Amino acid sequence: RPLANGLSAAGSPVALCCLSPLGQVLQYQYGWRGGFLILGGILLNCCVCGALMRPLVAPKTLKSKEQEQENNEGTEEAEKKKKPKAKLLDFSVFKDCGFVIYTVSASIMVLGT
């Protein structure tokens, strides 16, 4: 996982270095409207990839599975009521101060280029 994070973090500056010349070529070939449309389509793929990311779930141990089986023999109906609904958007990441600082600084960096 650290290697994957490192490669993805290294890919971002390379893509940003290529984005400016690509924008100039697209503007020359298709005009400013067509260039923005193509760049918007490329960046829309990033939104789709970001939407597909999900947090990792830790695997359950064998002991906890055995305990769950003993406890859940007669409480199937109670278990159905206890399951939380899946949220479409999860804003709990904004509680992490480091994430907020990184997001704000990355946004300012992108606006400065």
PDB file of N, CA and C in Angstrom:
ATOM      1  N   ARG A   1       0.821  -1.205   0.000  1.00  0.00           N
ATOM      2  CA  ARG A   1       0.000   0.000   0.000  1.00  0.00           C
ATOM      3  C   ARG A   1       0.863   1.266   0.000  1.00  0.00           C
ATOM      4  N   PRO A   2       1.940   1.353   0.775  1.00  0.00           N
ATOM      5  CA  PRO A   2       2.775   2.561   0.688  1.00  0.00           C
ATOM      6  C   PRO A   2       3.385   2.765  -0.696  1.00  0.00           C
ATOM      7  N   LEU A   3       3.735   1.676  -1.373  1.00  0.00           N
ATOM      8  CA  LEU A   3       4.284   1.806  -2.722  1.00  0.00           C
ATOM      9  C   LEU A   3       3.242   2.372  -3.680  1.00  0.00           C
ATOM     10  N   ALA A   4       2.015   1.890  -3.561  1.00  0.00           N
ATOM     11  CA  ALA A   4       0.937   2.401  -4.422  1.00  0.00           C
ATOM     12  C   ALA A   4       0.677   3.875  -4.144  1.00  0.00           C
ATOM     13  N   ASN A   5       0.699   4.269  -2.863  1.00  0.00           N
ATOM     14  CA  ASN A   5       0.508   5.685  -2.528  1.00  0.00           C
ATOM     15  C   ASN A   5       1.651   6.534  -3.065  1.00  0.00           C
ATOM     16  N   GLY A   6       2.868   6.017  -2.983  1.00  0.00           N
ATOM     17  CA  GLY A   6       4.026   6.748  -3.496  1.00  0.00           C
ATOM     18  C   GLY A   6       3.965   6.941  -5.001  1.00  0.00           C
ATOM     19  N   LEU A   7       3.575   5.879  -5.721  1.00  0.00           N
ATOM     20  CA  LEU A   7       3.471   5.994  -7.179  1.00  0.00           C
ATOM     21  C   LEU A   7       2.357   6.951  -7.584  1.00  0.00           C
ATOM     22  N   SER A   8       1.246   6.903  -6.870  1.00  0.00           N
ATOM     23  CA  SER A   8       0.156   7.821  -7.206  1.00  0.00           C
ATOM     24  C   SER A   8       0.522   9.263  -6.869  1.00  0.00           C
ATOM     25  N   ALA A   9       1.259   9.458  -5.791  1.00  0.00           N
ATOM     26  CA  ALA A   9       1.683  10.815  -5.429  1.00  0.00           C
ATOM     27  C   ALA A   9       2.725  11.351  -6.408  1.00  0.00           C
ATOM     28  N   ALA A  10       3.563  10.461  -6.947  1.00  0.00           N
ATOM     29  CA  ALA A  10       4.559  10.893  -7.927  1.00  0.00           C
ATOM     30  C   ALA A  10       3.921  11.167  -9.282  1.00  0.00           C
ATOM     31  N   GLY A  11       2.805  10.513  -9.574  1.00  0.00           N
ATOM     32  CA  GLY A  11       2.145  10.710 -10.856  1.00  0.00           C
ATOM     33  C   GLY A  11       1.440  12.038 -10.963  1.00  0.00           C
ATOM     34  N   SER A  12       1.032  12.596  -9.856  1.00  0.00           N
ATOM     35  CA  SER A  12       0.308  13.865  -9.883  1.00  0.00           C
ATOM     36  C   SER A  12       1.161  15.013 -10.417  1.00  0.00           C
ATOM     37  N   PRO A  13       2.394  15.224  -9.947  1.00  0.00           N
ATOM     38  CA  PRO A  13       3.194  16.320 -10.503  1.00  0.00           C
ATOM     39  C   PRO A  13       3.540  16.116 -11.975  1.00  0.00           C
ATOM     40  N   VAL A  14       3.736  14.864 -12.376  1.00  0.00           N
ATOM     41  CA  VAL A  14       4.045  14.606 -13.785  1.00  0.00           C
ATOM     42  C   VAL A  14       2.851  14.974 -14.654  1.00  0.00           C
ATOM     43  N   ALA A  15       1.659  14.591 -14.209  1.00  0.00           N
ATOM     44  CA  ALA A  15       0.460  14.924 -14.965  1.00  0.00           C
ATOM     45  C   ALA A  15       0.238  16.437 -15.009  1.00  0.00           C
ATOM     46  N   LEU A  16       0.523  17.134 -13.917  1.00  0.00           N
ATOM     47  CA  LEU A  16       0.358  18.589 -13.912  1.00  0.00           C
ATOM     48  C   LEU A  16       1.352  19.269 -14.848  1.00  0.00           C
ATOM     49  N   CYS A  17       2.557  18.703 -14.985  1.00  0.00           N
ATOM     50  CA  CYS A  17       3.539  19.267 -15.914  1.00  0.00           C
ATOM     51  C   CYS A  17       3.105  19.058 -17.363  1.00  0.00           C
ATOM     52  N   CYS A  18       2.407  17.972 -17.644  1.00  0.00           N
ATOM     53  CA  CYS A  18       1.951  17.683 -19.005  1.00  0.00           C
ATOM     54  C   CYS A  18       0.638  18.375 -19.330  1.00  0.00           C
ATOM     55  N   LEU A  19      -0.098  18.796 -18.324  1.00  0.00           N
ATOM     56  CA  LEU A  19      -1.420  19.375 -18.543  1.00  0.00           C
ATOM     57  C   LEU A  19      -1.343  20.741 -19.225  1.00  0.00           C
ATOM     58  N   SER A  20      -0.373  21.545 -18.897  1.00  0.00           N
ATOM     59  CA  SER A  20      -0.265  22.875 -19.506  1.00  0.00           C
ATOM     60  C   SER A  20       0.070  22.798 -20.999  1.00  0.00           C
ATOM     61  N   PRO A  21       1.094  22.023 -21.403  1.00  0.00           N
ATOM     62  CA  PRO A  21       1.331  21.907 -22.854  1.00  0.00           C
ATOM     63  C   PRO A  21       0.163  21.258 -23.594  1.00  0.00           C
ATOM     64  N   LEU A  22      -0.508  20.292 -22.936  1.00  0.00           N
ATOM     65  CA  LEU A  22      -1.665  19.667 -23.561  1.00  0.00           C
ATOM     66  C   LEU A  22      -2.776  20.691 -23.783  1.00  0.00           C
ATOM     67  N   GLY A  23      -2.988  21.571 -22.816  1.00  0.00           N
ATOM     68  CA  GLY A  23      -3.985  22.621 -22.963  1.00  0.00           C
ATOM     69  C   GLY A  23      -3.665  23.552 -24.118  1.00  0.00           C
ATOM     70  N   GLN A  24      -2.382  23.868 -24.297  1.00  0.00           N
ATOM     71  CA  GLN A  24      -1.989  24.744 -25.402  1.00  0.00           C
ATOM     72  C   GLN A  24      -2.214  24.075 -26.755  1.00  0.00           C
ATOM     73  N   VAL A  25      -1.880  22.785 -26.834  1.00  0.00           N
ATOM     74  CA  VAL A  25      -2.087  22.053 -28.087  1.00  0.00           C
ATOM     75  C   VAL A  25      -3.570  21.948 -28.409  1.00  0.00           C
ATOM     76  N   LEU A  26      -4.375  21.634 -27.389  1.00  0.00           N
ATOM     77  CA  LEU A  26      -5.816  21.528 -27.613  1.00  0.00           C
ATOM     78  C   LEU A  26      -6.424  22.871 -28.013  1.00  0.00           C
ATOM     79  N   GLN A  27      -5.932  23.961 -27.439  1.00  0.00           N
ATOM     80  CA  GLN A  27      -6.430  25.279 -27.796  1.00  0.00           C
ATOM     81  C   GLN A  27      -6.063  25.608 -29.241  1.00  0.00           C
ATOM     82  N   TYR A  28      -4.883  25.240 -29.646  1.00  0.00           N
ATOM     83  CA  TYR A  28      -4.447  25.508 -31.016  1.00  0.00           C
ATOM     84  C   TYR A  28      -5.252  24.673 -32.015  1.00  0.00           C
ATOM     85  N   GLN A  29      -5.491  23.402 -31.684  1.00  0.00           N
ATOM     86  CA  GLN A  29      -6.181  22.507 -32.608  1.00  0.00           C
ATOM     87  C   GLN A  29      -7.699  22.723 -32.641  1.00  0.00           C
ATOM     88  N   TYR A  30      -8.332  22.879 -31.462  1.00  0.00           N
ATOM     89  CA  TYR A  30      -9.792  22.883 -31.372  1.00  0.00           C
ATOM     90  C   TYR A  30     -10.387  24.206 -30.897  1.00  0.00           C
ATOM     91  N   GLY A  31      -9.567  25.190 -30.612  1.00  0.00           N
ATOM     92  CA  GLY A  31     -10.082  26.452 -30.074  1.00  0.00           C
ATOM     93  C   GLY A  31     -10.251  26.336 -28.564  1.00  0.00           C
ATOM     94  N   TRP A  32     -10.563  27.456 -27.945  1.00  0.00           N
ATOM     95  CA  TRP A  32     -10.612  27.420 -26.478  1.00  0.00           C
ATOM     96  C   TRP A  32     -11.819  26.644 -25.979  1.00  0.00           C
ATOM     97  N   ARG A  33     -12.929  26.680 -26.690  1.00  0.00           N
ATOM     98  CA  ARG A  33     -14.116  25.951 -26.247  1.00  0.00           C
ATOM     99  C   ARG A  33     -13.920  24.445 -26.363  1.00  0.00           C
ATOM    100  N   GLY A  34     -13.417  24.009 -27.496  1.00  0.00           N
ATOM    101  CA  GLY A  34     -13.164  22.579 -27.686  1.00  0.00           C
ATOM    102  C   GLY A  34     -12.087  22.058 -26.752  1.00  0.00           C
ATOM    103  N   GLY A  35     -11.060  22.881 -26.521  1.00  0.00           N
ATOM    104  CA  GLY A  35      -9.988  22.472 -25.604  1.00  0.00           C
ATOM    105  C   GLY A  35     -10.490  22.289 -24.190  1.00  0.00           C
ATOM    106  N   PHE A  36     -11.308  23.232 -23.733  1.00  0.00           N
ATOM    107  CA  PHE A  36     -11.876  23.100 -22.387  1.00  0.00           C
ATOM    108  C   PHE A  36     -12.816  21.906 -22.295  1.00  0.00           C
ATOM    109  N   LEU A  37     -13.548  21.637 -23.356  1.00  0.00           N
ATOM    110  CA  LEU A  37     -14.453  20.490 -23.360  1.00  0.00           C
ATOM    111  C   LEU A  37     -13.678  19.174 -23.249  1.00  0.00           C
ATOM    112  N   ILE A  38     -12.597  19.063 -23.985  1.00  0.00           N
ATOM    113  CA  ILE A  38     -11.773  17.846 -23.934  1.00  0.00           C
ATOM    114  C   ILE A  38     -11.094  17.724 -22.575  1.00  0.00           C
ATOM    115  N   LEU A  39     -10.542  18.806 -22.049  1.00  0.00           N
ATOM    116  CA  LEU A  39      -9.919  18.754 -20.722  1.00  0.00           C
ATOM    117  C   LEU A  39     -10.943  18.413 -19.641  1.00  0.00           C
ATOM    118  N   GLY A  40     -12.158  18.937 -19.778  1.00  0.00           N
ATOM    119  CA  GLY A  40     -13.215  18.606 -18.830  1.00  0.00           C
ATOM    120  C   GLY A  40     -13.559  17.131 -18.870  1.00  0.00           C
ATOM    121  N   GLY A  41     -13.586  16.547 -20.062  1.00  0.00           N
ATOM    122  CA  GLY A  41     -13.841  15.116 -20.180  1.00  0.00           C
ATOM    123  C   GLY A  41     -12.744  14.286 -19.562  1.00  0.00           C
ATOM    124  N   ILE A  42     -11.497  14.722 -19.722  1.00  0.00           N
ATOM    125  CA  ILE A  42     -10.371  14.001 -19.118  1.00  0.00           C
ATOM    126  C   ILE A  42     -10.445  14.071 -17.599  1.00  0.00           C
ATOM    127  N   LEU A  43     -10.729  15.251 -17.074  1.00  0.00           N
ATOM    128  CA  LEU A  43     -10.788  15.416 -15.625  1.00  0.00           C
ATOM    129  C   LEU A  43     -12.032  14.776 -15.013  1.00  0.00           C
ATOM    130  N   LEU A  44     -13.081  14.594 -15.809  1.00  0.00           N
ATOM    131  CA  LEU A  44     -14.266  13.903 -15.323  1.00  0.00           C
ATOM    132  C   LEU A  44     -13.941  12.444 -14.991  1.00  0.00           C
ATOM    133  N   ASN A  45     -13.001  11.862 -15.700  1.00  0.00           N
ATOM    134  CA  ASN A  45     -12.557  10.499 -15.380  1.00  0.00           C
ATOM    135  C   ASN A  45     -11.935  10.431 -13.992  1.00  0.00           C
ATOM    136  N   CYS A  46     -11.269  11.486 -13.568  1.00  0.00           N
ATOM    137  CA  CYS A  46     -10.707  11.522 -12.214  1.00  0.00           C
ATOM    138  C   CYS A  46     -11.816  11.499 -11.175  1.00  0.00           C
ATOM    139  N   CYS A  47     -12.924  12.173 -11.450  1.00  0.00           N
ATOM    140  CA  CYS A  47     -14.057  12.161 -10.512  1.00  0.00           C
ATOM    141  C   CYS A  47     -14.638  10.762 -10.382  1.00  0.00           C
ATOM    142  N   VAL A  48     -14.724  10.046 -11.490  1.00  0.00           N
ATOM    143  CA  VAL A  48     -15.250   8.683 -11.456  1.00  0.00           C
ATOM    144  C   VAL A  48     -14.315   7.784 -10.651  1.00  0.00           C
ATOM    145  N   CYS A  49     -13.022   7.901 -10.878  1.00  0.00           N
ATOM    146  CA  CYS A  49     -12.056   7.081 -10.124  1.00  0.00           C
ATOM    147  C   CYS A  49     -12.113   7.406  -8.636  1.00  0.00           C
ATOM    148  N   GLY A  50     -12.243   8.660  -8.288  1.00  0.00           N
ATOM    149  CA  GLY A  50     -12.346   9.048  -6.879  1.00  0.00           C
ATOM    150  C   GLY A  50     -13.621   8.544  -6.236  1.00  0.00           C
ATOM    151  N   ALA A  51     -14.700   8.486  -6.999  1.00  0.00           N
ATOM    152  CA  ALA A  51     -15.966   8.004  -6.453  1.00  0.00           C
ATOM    153  C   ALA A  51     -15.922   6.500  -6.183  1.00  0.00           C
ATOM    154  N   LEU A  52     -15.068   5.783  -6.887  1.00  0.00           N
ATOM    155  CA  LEU A  52     -14.983   4.333  -6.709  1.00  0.00           C
ATOM    156  C   LEU A  52     -14.092   3.917  -5.546  1.00  0.00           C
ATOM    157  N   MET A  53     -13.355   4.861  -4.977  1.00  0.00           N
ATOM    158  CA  MET A  53     -12.482   4.521  -3.849  1.00  0.00           C
ATOM    159  C   MET A  53     -13.304   4.263  -2.598  1.00  0.00           C
ATOM    160  N   ARG A  54     -12.944   3.201  -1.890  1.00  0.00           N
ATOM    161  CA  ARG A  54     -13.629   2.852  -0.645  1.00  0.00           C
ATOM    162  C   ARG A  54     -12.577   2.517   0.405  1.00  0.00           C
ATOM    163  N   PRO A  55     -12.876   2.738   1.661  1.00  0.00           N
ATOM    164  CA  PRO A  55     -11.911   2.398   2.713  1.00  0.00           C
ATOM    165  C   PRO A  55     -11.765   0.884   2.853  1.00  0.00           C
ATOM    166  N   LEU A  56     -10.592   0.478   3.292  1.00  0.00           N
ATOM    167  CA  LEU A  56     -10.344  -0.940   3.520  1.00  0.00           C
ATOM    168  C   LEU A  56     -11.068  -1.398   4.770  1.00  0.00           C
ATOM    169  N   VAL A  57     -11.587  -2.613   4.741  1.00  0.00           N
ATOM    170  CA  VAL A  57     -12.284  -3.184   5.892  1.00  0.00           C
ATOM    171  C   VAL A  57     -11.396  -4.275   6.471  1.00  0.00           C
ATOM    172  N   ALA A  58     -11.144  -4.207   7.775  1.00  0.00           N
ATOM    173  CA  ALA A  58     -10.297  -5.204   8.423  1.00  0.00           C
ATOM    174  C   ALA A  58     -11.020  -6.545   8.471  1.00  0.00           C
ATOM    175  N   PRO A  59     -10.313  -7.648   8.190  1.00  0.00           N
ATOM    176  CA  PRO A  59     -10.963  -8.961   8.252  1.00  0.00           C
ATOM    177  C   PRO A  59     -11.263  -9.353   9.697  1.00  0.00           C
ATOM    178  N   LYS A  60     -12.350 -10.099   9.891  1.00  0.00           N
ATOM    179  CA  LYS A  60     -12.730 -10.541  11.233  1.00  0.00           C
ATOM    180  C   LYS A  60     -11.925 -11.778  11.615  1.00  0.00           C
ATOM    181  N   THR A  61     -11.641 -11.903  12.877  1.00  0.00           N
ATOM    182  CA  THR A  61     -10.901 -13.076  13.354  1.00  0.00           C
ATOM    183  C   THR A  61     -11.847 -14.248  13.547  1.00  0.00           C
ATOM    184  N   LEU A  62     -11.296 -15.438  13.663  1.00  0.00           N
ATOM    185  CA  LEU A  62     -12.107 -16.638  13.831  1.00  0.00           C
ATOM    186  C   LEU A  62     -12.856 -16.627  15.157  1.00  0.00           C
ATOM    187  N   LYS A  63     -12.220 -16.133  16.209  1.00  0.00           N
ATOM    188  CA  LYS A  63     -12.868 -16.098  17.521  1.00  0.00           C
ATOM    189  C   LYS A  63     -14.090 -15.187  17.502  1.00  0.00           C
ATOM    190  N   SER A  64     -13.963 -14.060  16.850  1.00  0.00           N
ATOM    191  CA  SER A  64     -15.099 -13.140  16.816  1.00  0.00           C
ATOM    192  C   SER A  64     -16.246 -13.730  15.990  1.00  0.00           C
ATOM    193  N   LYS A  65     -15.925 -14.513  14.955  1.00  0.00           N
ATOM    194  CA  LYS A  65     -16.972 -15.160  14.169  1.00  0.00           C
ATOM    195  C   LYS A  65     -17.708 -16.208  14.991  1.00  0.00           C
ATOM    196  N   GLU A  66     -16.957 -16.969  15.790  1.00  0.00           N
ATOM    197  CA  GLU A  66     -17.591 -17.988  16.632  1.00  0.00           C
ATOM    198  C   GLU A  66     -18.489 -17.336  17.680  1.00  0.00           C
ATOM    199  N   GLN A  67     -18.036 -16.247  18.261  1.00  0.00           N
ATOM    200  CA  GLN A  67     -18.838 -15.548  19.257  1.00  0.00           C
ATOM    201  C   GLN A  67     -20.096 -14.961  18.630  1.00  0.00           C
ATOM    202  N   GLU A  68     -19.982 -14.469  17.408  1.00  0.00           N
ATOM    203  CA  GLU A  68     -21.148 -13.924  16.728  1.00  0.00           C
ATOM    204  C   GLU A  68     -22.177 -15.015  16.450  1.00  0.00           C
ATOM    205  N   GLN A  69     -21.702 -16.205  16.076  1.00  0.00           N
ATOM    206  CA  GLN A  69     -22.627 -17.300  15.799  1.00  0.00           C
ATOM    207  C   GLN A  69     -23.375 -17.715  17.062  1.00  0.00           C
ATOM    208  N   GLU A  70     -22.684 -17.750  18.201  1.00  0.00           N
ATOM    209  CA  GLU A  70     -23.330 -18.112  19.460  1.00  0.00           C
ATOM    210  C   GLU A  70     -24.349 -17.046  19.881  1.00  0.00           C
ATOM    211  N   ASN A  71     -24.006 -15.804  19.687  1.00  0.00           N
ATOM    212  CA  ASN A  71     -24.893 -14.711  20.106  1.00  0.00           C
ATOM    213  C   ASN A  71     -26.067 -14.499  19.159  1.00  0.00           C
ATOM    214  N   ASN A  72     -25.901 -14.866  17.896  1.00  0.00           N
ATOM    215  CA  ASN A  72     -26.918 -14.548  16.898  1.00  0.00           C
ATOM    216  C   ASN A  72     -27.837 -15.717  16.563  1.00  0.00           C
ATOM    217  N   GLU A  73     -27.858 -16.733  17.380  1.00  0.00           N
ATOM    218  CA  GLU A  73     -28.702 -17.888  17.063  1.00  0.00           C
ATOM    219  C   GLU A  73     -30.173 -17.509  17.042  1.00  0.00           C
ATOM    220  N   GLY A  74     -30.632 -16.735  17.981  1.00  0.00           N
ATOM    221  CA  GLY A  74     -32.044 -16.399  18.050  1.00  0.00           C
ATOM    222  C   GLY A  74     -32.350 -14.948  17.812  1.00  0.00           C
ATOM    223  N   THR A  75     -31.371 -14.175  17.408  1.00  0.00           N
ATOM    224  CA  THR A  75     -31.579 -12.723  17.285  1.00  0.00           C
ATOM    225  C   THR A  75     -31.382 -12.241  15.853  1.00  0.00           C
ATOM    226  N   GLU A  76     -31.918 -12.942  14.901  1.00  0.00           N
ATOM    227  CA  GLU A  76     -31.763 -12.532  13.503  1.00  0.00           C
ATOM    228  C   GLU A  76     -32.555 -11.253  13.213  1.00  0.00           C
ATOM    229  N   GLU A  77     -33.721 -11.131  13.811  1.00  0.00           N
ATOM    230  CA  GLU A  77     -34.533  -9.938  13.577  1.00  0.00           C
ATOM    231  C   GLU A  77     -33.891  -8.699  14.193  1.00  0.00           C
ATOM    232  N   ALA A  78     -33.294  -8.848  15.363  1.00  0.00           N
ATOM    233  CA  ALA A  78     -32.635  -7.708  16.004  1.00  0.00           C
ATOM    234  C   ALA A  78     -31.417  -7.269  15.198  1.00  0.00           C
ATOM    235  N   GLU A  79     -30.759  -8.228  14.563  1.00  0.00           N
ATOM    236  CA  GLU A  79     -29.573  -7.898  13.770  1.00  0.00           C
ATOM    237  C   GLU A  79     -29.958  -7.072  12.544  1.00  0.00           C
ATOM    238  N   LYS A  80     -31.087  -7.385  11.940  1.00  0.00           N
ATOM    239  CA  LYS A  80     -31.519  -6.633  10.770  1.00  0.00           C
ATOM    240  C   LYS A  80     -31.807  -5.182  11.125  1.00  0.00           C
ATOM    241  N   LYS A  81     -32.326  -4.950  12.322  1.00  0.00           N
ATOM    242  CA  LYS A  81     -32.629  -3.591  12.749  1.00  0.00           C
ATOM    243  C   LYS A  81     -31.373  -2.806  13.095  1.00  0.00           C
ATOM    244  N   LYS A  82     -30.310  -3.490  13.549  1.00  0.00           N
ATOM    245  CA  LYS A  82     -29.093  -2.810  13.982  1.00  0.00           C
ATOM    246  C   LYS A  82     -28.217  -2.371  12.820  1.00  0.00           C
ATOM    247  N   LYS A  83     -28.389  -2.936  11.635  1.00  0.00           N
ATOM    248  CA  LYS A  83     -27.526  -2.594  10.510  1.00  0.00           C
ATOM    249  C   LYS A  83     -27.774  -1.143  10.107  1.00  0.00           C
ATOM    250  N   PRO A  84     -26.696  -0.335  10.047  1.00  0.00           N
ATOM    251  CA  PRO A  84     -26.884   1.059   9.633  1.00  0.00           C
ATOM    252  C   PRO A  84     -27.081   1.134   8.124  1.00  0.00           C
ATOM    253  N   LYS A  85     -27.765   2.173   7.693  1.00  0.00           N
ATOM    254  CA  LYS A  85     -27.962   2.374   6.270  1.00  0.00           C
ATOM    255  C   LYS A  85     -26.662   2.841   5.639  1.00  0.00           C
ATOM    256  N   ALA A  86     -26.441   2.403   4.402  1.00  0.00           N
ATOM    257  CA  ALA A  86     -25.253   2.833   3.671  1.00  0.00           C
ATOM    258  C   ALA A  86     -25.439   4.284   3.232  1.00  0.00           C
ATOM    259  N   LYS A  87     -24.447   5.103   3.488  1.00  0.00           N
ATOM    260  CA  LYS A  87     -24.518   6.512   3.124  1.00  0.00           C
ATOM    261  C   LYS A  87     -24.016   6.700   1.707  1.00  0.00           C
ATOM    262  N   LEU A  88     -24.656   7.601   0.976  1.00  0.00           N
ATOM    263  CA  LEU A  88     -24.222   7.898  -0.376  1.00  0.00           C
ATOM    264  C   LEU A  88     -22.941   8.725  -0.352  1.00  0.00           C
ATOM    265  N   LEU A  89     -22.904   9.722   0.488  1.00  0.00           N
ATOM    266  CA  LEU A  89     -21.715  10.559   0.651  1.00  0.00           C
ATOM    267  C   LEU A  89     -21.283  10.510   2.112  1.00  0.00           C
ATOM    268  N   ASP A  90     -19.988  10.366   2.312  1.00  0.00           N
ATOM    269  CA  ASP A  90     -19.460  10.286   3.673  1.00  0.00           C
ATOM    270  C   ASP A  90     -18.531  11.475   3.896  1.00  0.00           C
ATOM    271  N   PHE A  91     -18.981  12.416   4.711  1.00  0.00           N
ATOM    272  CA  PHE A  91     -18.193  13.612   4.985  1.00  0.00           C
ATOM    273  C   PHE A  91     -17.399  13.498   6.280  1.00  0.00           C
ATOM    274  N   SER A  92     -17.264  12.300   6.814  1.00  0.00           N
ATOM    275  CA  SER A  92     -16.540  12.137   8.072  1.00  0.00           C
ATOM    276  C   SER A  92     -15.037  12.380   7.912  1.00  0.00           C
ATOM    277  N   VAL A  93     -14.525  12.353   6.674  1.00  0.00           N
ATOM    278  CA  VAL A  93     -13.103  12.605   6.469  1.00  0.00           C
ATOM    279  C   VAL A  93     -12.737  14.046   6.799  1.00  0.00           C
ATOM    280  N   PHE A  94     -13.722  14.941   6.766  1.00  0.00           N
ATOM    281  CA  PHE A  94     -13.441  16.344   7.067  1.00  0.00           C
ATOM    282  C   PHE A  94     -13.235  16.588   8.556  1.00  0.00           C
ATOM    283  N   LYS A  95     -13.426  15.574   9.381  1.00  0.00           N
ATOM    284  CA  LYS A  95     -13.123  15.692  10.809  1.00  0.00           C
ATOM    285  C   LYS A  95     -11.624  15.585  11.066  1.00  0.00           C
ATOM    286  N   ASP A  96     -10.893  15.011  10.114  1.00  0.00           N
ATOM    287  CA  ASP A  96      -9.448  14.854  10.249  1.00  0.00           C
ATOM    288  C   ASP A  96      -8.766  16.158   9.842  1.00  0.00           C
ATOM    289  N   CYS A  97      -8.066  16.764  10.783  1.00  0.00           N
ATOM    290  CA  CYS A  97      -7.438  18.067  10.555  1.00  0.00           C
ATOM    291  C   CYS A  97      -6.371  17.989   9.458  1.00  0.00           C
ATOM    292  N   GLY A  98      -5.601  16.910   9.426  1.00  0.00           N
ATOM    293  CA  GLY A  98      -4.560  16.758   8.410  1.00  0.00           C
ATOM    294  C   GLY A  98      -5.126  16.696   7.008  1.00  0.00           C
ATOM    295  N   PHE A  99      -6.248  16.019   6.845  1.00  0.00           N
ATOM    296  CA  PHE A  99      -6.894  15.938   5.541  1.00  0.00           C
ATOM    297  C   PHE A  99      -7.387  17.304   5.086  1.00  0.00           C
ATOM    298  N   VAL A 100      -7.959  18.059   6.004  1.00  0.00           N
ATOM    299  CA  VAL A 100      -8.475  19.384   5.648  1.00  0.00           C
ATOM    300  C   VAL A 100      -7.329  20.301   5.239  1.00  0.00           C
ATOM    301  N   ILE A 101      -6.234  20.265   5.971  1.00  0.00           N
ATOM    302  CA  ILE A 101      -5.076  21.105   5.630  1.00  0.00           C
ATOM    303  C   ILE A 101      -4.523  20.725   4.267  1.00  0.00           C
ATOM    304  N   TYR A 102      -4.405  19.411   4.013  1.00  0.00           N
ATOM    305  CA  TYR A 102      -3.896  18.950   2.719  1.00  0.00           C
ATOM    306  C   TYR A 102      -4.827  19.363   1.583  1.00  0.00           C
ATOM    307  N   THR A 103      -6.121  19.236   1.777  1.00  0.00           N
ATOM    308  CA  THR A 103      -7.086  19.577   0.719  1.00  0.00           C
ATOM    309  C   THR A 103      -7.051  21.079   0.402  1.00  0.00           C
ATOM    310  N   VAL A 104      -7.009  21.899   1.444  1.00  0.00           N
ATOM    311  CA  VAL A 104      -6.972  23.345   1.223  1.00  0.00           C
ATOM    312  C   VAL A 104      -5.681  23.748   0.544  1.00  0.00           C
ATOM    313  N   SER A 105      -4.549  23.192   0.981  1.00  0.00           N
ATOM    314  CA  SER A 105      -3.268  23.578   0.375  1.00  0.00           C
ATOM    315  C   SER A 105      -3.173  23.085  -1.063  1.00  0.00           C
ATOM    316  N   ALA A 106      -3.692  21.900  -1.365  1.00  0.00           N
ATOM    317  CA  ALA A 106      -3.679  21.406  -2.732  1.00  0.00           C
ATOM    318  C   ALA A 106      -4.568  22.268  -3.627  1.00  0.00           C
ATOM    319  N   SER A 107      -5.686  22.712  -3.102  1.00  0.00           N
ATOM    320  CA  SER A 107      -6.579  23.582  -3.878  1.00  0.00           C
ATOM    321  C   SER A 107      -5.918  24.917  -4.175  1.00  0.00           C
ATOM    322  N   ILE A 108      -5.238  25.486  -3.201  1.00  0.00           N
ATOM    323  CA  ILE A 108      -4.538  26.760  -3.414  1.00  0.00           C
ATOM    324  C   ILE A 108      -3.404  26.576  -4.409  1.00  0.00           C
ATOM    325  N   MET A 109      -2.708  25.426  -4.337  1.00  0.00           N
ATOM    326  CA  MET A 109      -1.616  25.155  -5.271  1.00  0.00           C
ATOM    327  C   MET A 109      -2.126  25.073  -6.697  1.00  0.00           C
ATOM    328  N   VAL A 110      -3.262  24.416  -6.900  1.00  0.00           N
ATOM    329  CA  VAL A 110      -3.816  24.277  -8.243  1.00  0.00           C
ATOM    330  C   VAL A 110      -4.281  25.629  -8.773  1.00  0.00           C
ATOM    331  N   LEU A 111      -4.850  26.456  -7.908  1.00  0.00           N
ATOM    332  CA  LEU A 111      -5.285  27.787  -8.352  1.00  0.00           C
ATOM    333  C   LEU A 111      -4.106  28.689  -8.695  1.00  0.00           C
ATOM    334  N   GLY A 112      -2.948  28.417  -8.108  1.00  0.00           N
ATOM    335  CA  GLY A 112      -1.780  29.263  -8.361  1.00  0.00           C
ATOM    336  C   GLY A 112      -1.066  28.965  -9.655  1.00  0.00           C
ATOM    337  N   THR A 113      -1.372  27.819 -10.288  1.00  0.00           N
ATOM    338  CA  THR A 113      -0.673  27.484 -11.531  1.00  0.00           C
ATOM    339  C   THR A 113      -1.339  28.042 -12.728  1.00  0.00           C
TER     340      THR A 113
END
